Amino acid sequence: MEVNADKLNAFALLVEYVLLENLKADRVDCESNRRNCITTVKLGKTWAKIDATGRGCYMVALVDSAALGVKAGEIVGIKAYGVPHPGHRYGTLDDPRIPRMRSLRDGLTLQVLKQMQTVAAHA
């Protein structure tokens, strides 16, 4: 799978949206908590880090890693910042499986997923 900036940014947007929706569902969506859901993508040589306001959330393999058994485009959790945890897998950029993704019927979530599929189709 080819990993490109559009797919990474779409996934980061999806993570941000899921975090915000979880705050709303838990009724703790004050301004300071919402600011902590802003995501960024930091590219490395072999991994892309998806952070939510400075704390690591997910890592995406940019290249295949036989040592970890991870293929390019796979999403994994983290052990510590910058250290992938291949035992915690969350799908691929084409088919992400984020914990606590409450409703795929929600319009924006579907819109983000369709955007990710469109980017994947053009890659």
Protein backbone atom coordinates (compact mmCIF):
# COMPACT_ATOMS: atom_id res chain seq x y z
CA MET A 1 0.00 0.00 0.00
CA GLU A 2 1.24 3.44 -0.84
CA VAL A 3 1.09 5.88 2.05
CA ASN A 4 0.63 9.52 1.08
CA ALA A 5 0.03 12.79 2.90
CA ASP A 6 -3.66 12.93 1.92
CA LYS A 7 -4.39 9.55 3.51
CA LEU A 8 -2.48 10.48 6.66
CA ASN A 9 -4.25 13.83 6.98
CA ALA A 10 -7.65 12.22 6.39
CA PHE A 11 -6.90 9.65 9.11
CA ALA A 12 -5.76 12.41 11.49
CA LEU A 13 -9.03 14.26 10.81
CA LEU A 14 -10.99 11.10 11.54
CA VAL A 15 -9.12 10.61 14.84
CA GLU A 16 -9.83 14.23 15.81
CA TYR A 17 -13.50 13.82 14.97
CA VAL A 18 -13.81 10.60 16.99
CA LEU A 19 -12.11 12.21 19.99
CA LEU A 20 -14.49 15.19 19.82
CA GLU A 21 -17.54 12.95 19.47
CA ASN A 22 -16.45 10.93 22.49
CA LEU A 23 -16.16 14.13 24.53
CA LYS A 24 -19.68 15.12 23.52
CA ALA A 25 -21.06 11.67 24.34
CA ASP A 26 -19.35 11.76 27.75
CA ARG A 27 -20.62 15.36 28.27
CA VAL A 28 -17.17 16.78 28.94
CA ASP A 29 -16.79 18.83 25.75
CA CYS A 30 -15.63 22.10 27.29
CA GLU A 31 -13.27 24.34 25.30
CA SER A 32 -10.07 23.14 27.00
CA ASN A 33 -10.93 19.48 26.34
CA ARG A 34 -11.80 20.25 22.72
CA ARG A 35 -8.40 21.92 22.23
CA ASN A 36 -6.75 18.69 23.39
CA CYS A 37 -8.31 16.83 20.47
CA ILE A 38 -6.51 18.76 17.73
CA THR A 39 -4.43 16.27 15.77
CA THR A 40 -1.15 16.67 13.91
CA VAL A 41 0.86 14.38 11.67
CA LYS A 42 4.62 14.13 12.18
CA LEU A 43 6.56 12.25 9.54
CA GLY A 44 9.62 10.18 10.30
CA LYS A 45 11.72 7.90 8.12
CA THR A 46 9.70 4.74 8.75
CA TRP A 47 6.71 5.88 10.84
CA ALA A 48 4.19 8.71 10.83
CA LYS A 49 3.03 9.80 14.26
CA ILE A 50 -0.57 10.91 14.74
CA ASP A 51 -0.64 13.14 17.81
CA ALA A 52 -3.51 14.79 19.63
CA THR A 53 -2.10 18.02 21.09
CA GLY A 54 1.36 16.67 21.72
CA ARG A 55 0.49 13.27 23.10
CA GLY A 56 0.88 10.28 20.87
CA CYS A 57 -2.19 8.39 19.72
CA TYR A 58 -1.30 6.22 16.75
CA MET A 59 1.59 5.41 14.47
CA VAL A 60 1.32 4.52 10.79
CA ALA A 61 4.00 2.44 9.09
CA LEU A 62 5.41 4.24 6.06
CA VAL A 63 7.41 1.19 4.92
CA ASP A 64 7.13 -2.55 5.52
CA SER A 65 8.88 -3.74 8.68
CA ALA A 66 9.62 -7.45 8.74
CA ALA A 67 11.07 -7.16 12.26
CA LEU A 68 7.73 -5.93 13.64
CA GLY A 69 5.54 -7.77 11.15
CA VAL A 70 3.91 -4.53 10.01
CA LYS A 71 3.18 -3.51 6.42
CA ALA A 72 3.13 0.02 5.03
CA GLY A 73 -0.16 1.75 5.79
CA GLU A 74 -0.94 -0.27 8.94
CA ILE A 75 -2.03 1.67 12.01
CA VAL A 76 -0.65 0.63 15.39
CA GLY A 77 -0.78 1.95 18.93
CA ILE A 78 2.20 3.21 20.89
CA LYS A 79 4.18 1.84 23.84
CA ALA A 80 5.78 5.20 24.54
CA TYR A 81 6.07 8.31 22.41
CA GLY A 82 7.74 7.30 19.16
CA VAL A 83 7.75 3.59 20.03
CA PRO A 84 5.25 1.53 18.03
CA HIS A 85 3.28 -1.27 19.67
CA PRO A 86 2.67 -3.82 16.90
CA GLY A 87 0.46 -5.86 19.25
CA HIS A 88 -2.14 -3.07 19.16
CA ARG A 89 -3.32 -2.89 15.56
CA TYR A 90 -6.06 -0.60 14.33
CA GLY A 91 -6.47 -1.58 10.69
CA THR A 92 -4.99 0.25 7.73
CA LEU A 93 -5.35 3.73 6.32
CA ASP A 94 -7.86 2.30 3.83
CA ASP A 95 -9.89 0.59 6.58
CA PRO A 96 -9.25 2.20 10.00
CA ARG A 97 -10.68 0.65 13.17
CA ILE A 98 -10.49 3.29 15.87
CA PRO A 99 -11.65 2.29 19.37
CA ARG A 100 -14.79 4.07 20.58
CA MET A 101 -15.83 5.13 17.08
CA ARG A 102 -19.43 5.53 18.15
CA SER A 103 -21.48 6.01 15.01
CA LEU A 104 -20.52 5.37 11.42
CA ARG A 105 -23.97 6.59 10.43
CA ASP A 106 -23.05 10.13 11.39
CA GLY A 107 -22.71 12.35 8.34
CA LEU A 108 -19.26 13.78 9.03
CA THR A 109 -17.75 10.40 9.91
CA LEU A 110 -19.11 8.97 6.66
CA GLN A 111 -17.82 12.01 4.80
CA VAL A 112 -14.32 11.55 6.23
CA LEU A 113 -14.35 7.82 5.44
CA LYS A 114 -15.51 8.53 1.88
CA GLN A 115 -12.72 11.07 1.52
CA MET A 116 -10.23 8.45 2.67
CA GLN A 117 -11.63 5.92 0.18
CA THR A 118 -11.46 8.48 -2.64
CA VAL A 119 -7.82 9.23 -1.82
CA ALA A 120 -7.08 5.49 -1.71
CA ALA A 121 -8.74 4.97 -5.11
CA HIS A 122 -6.61 7.67 -6.73
CA ALA A 123 -3.35 6.42 -5.20
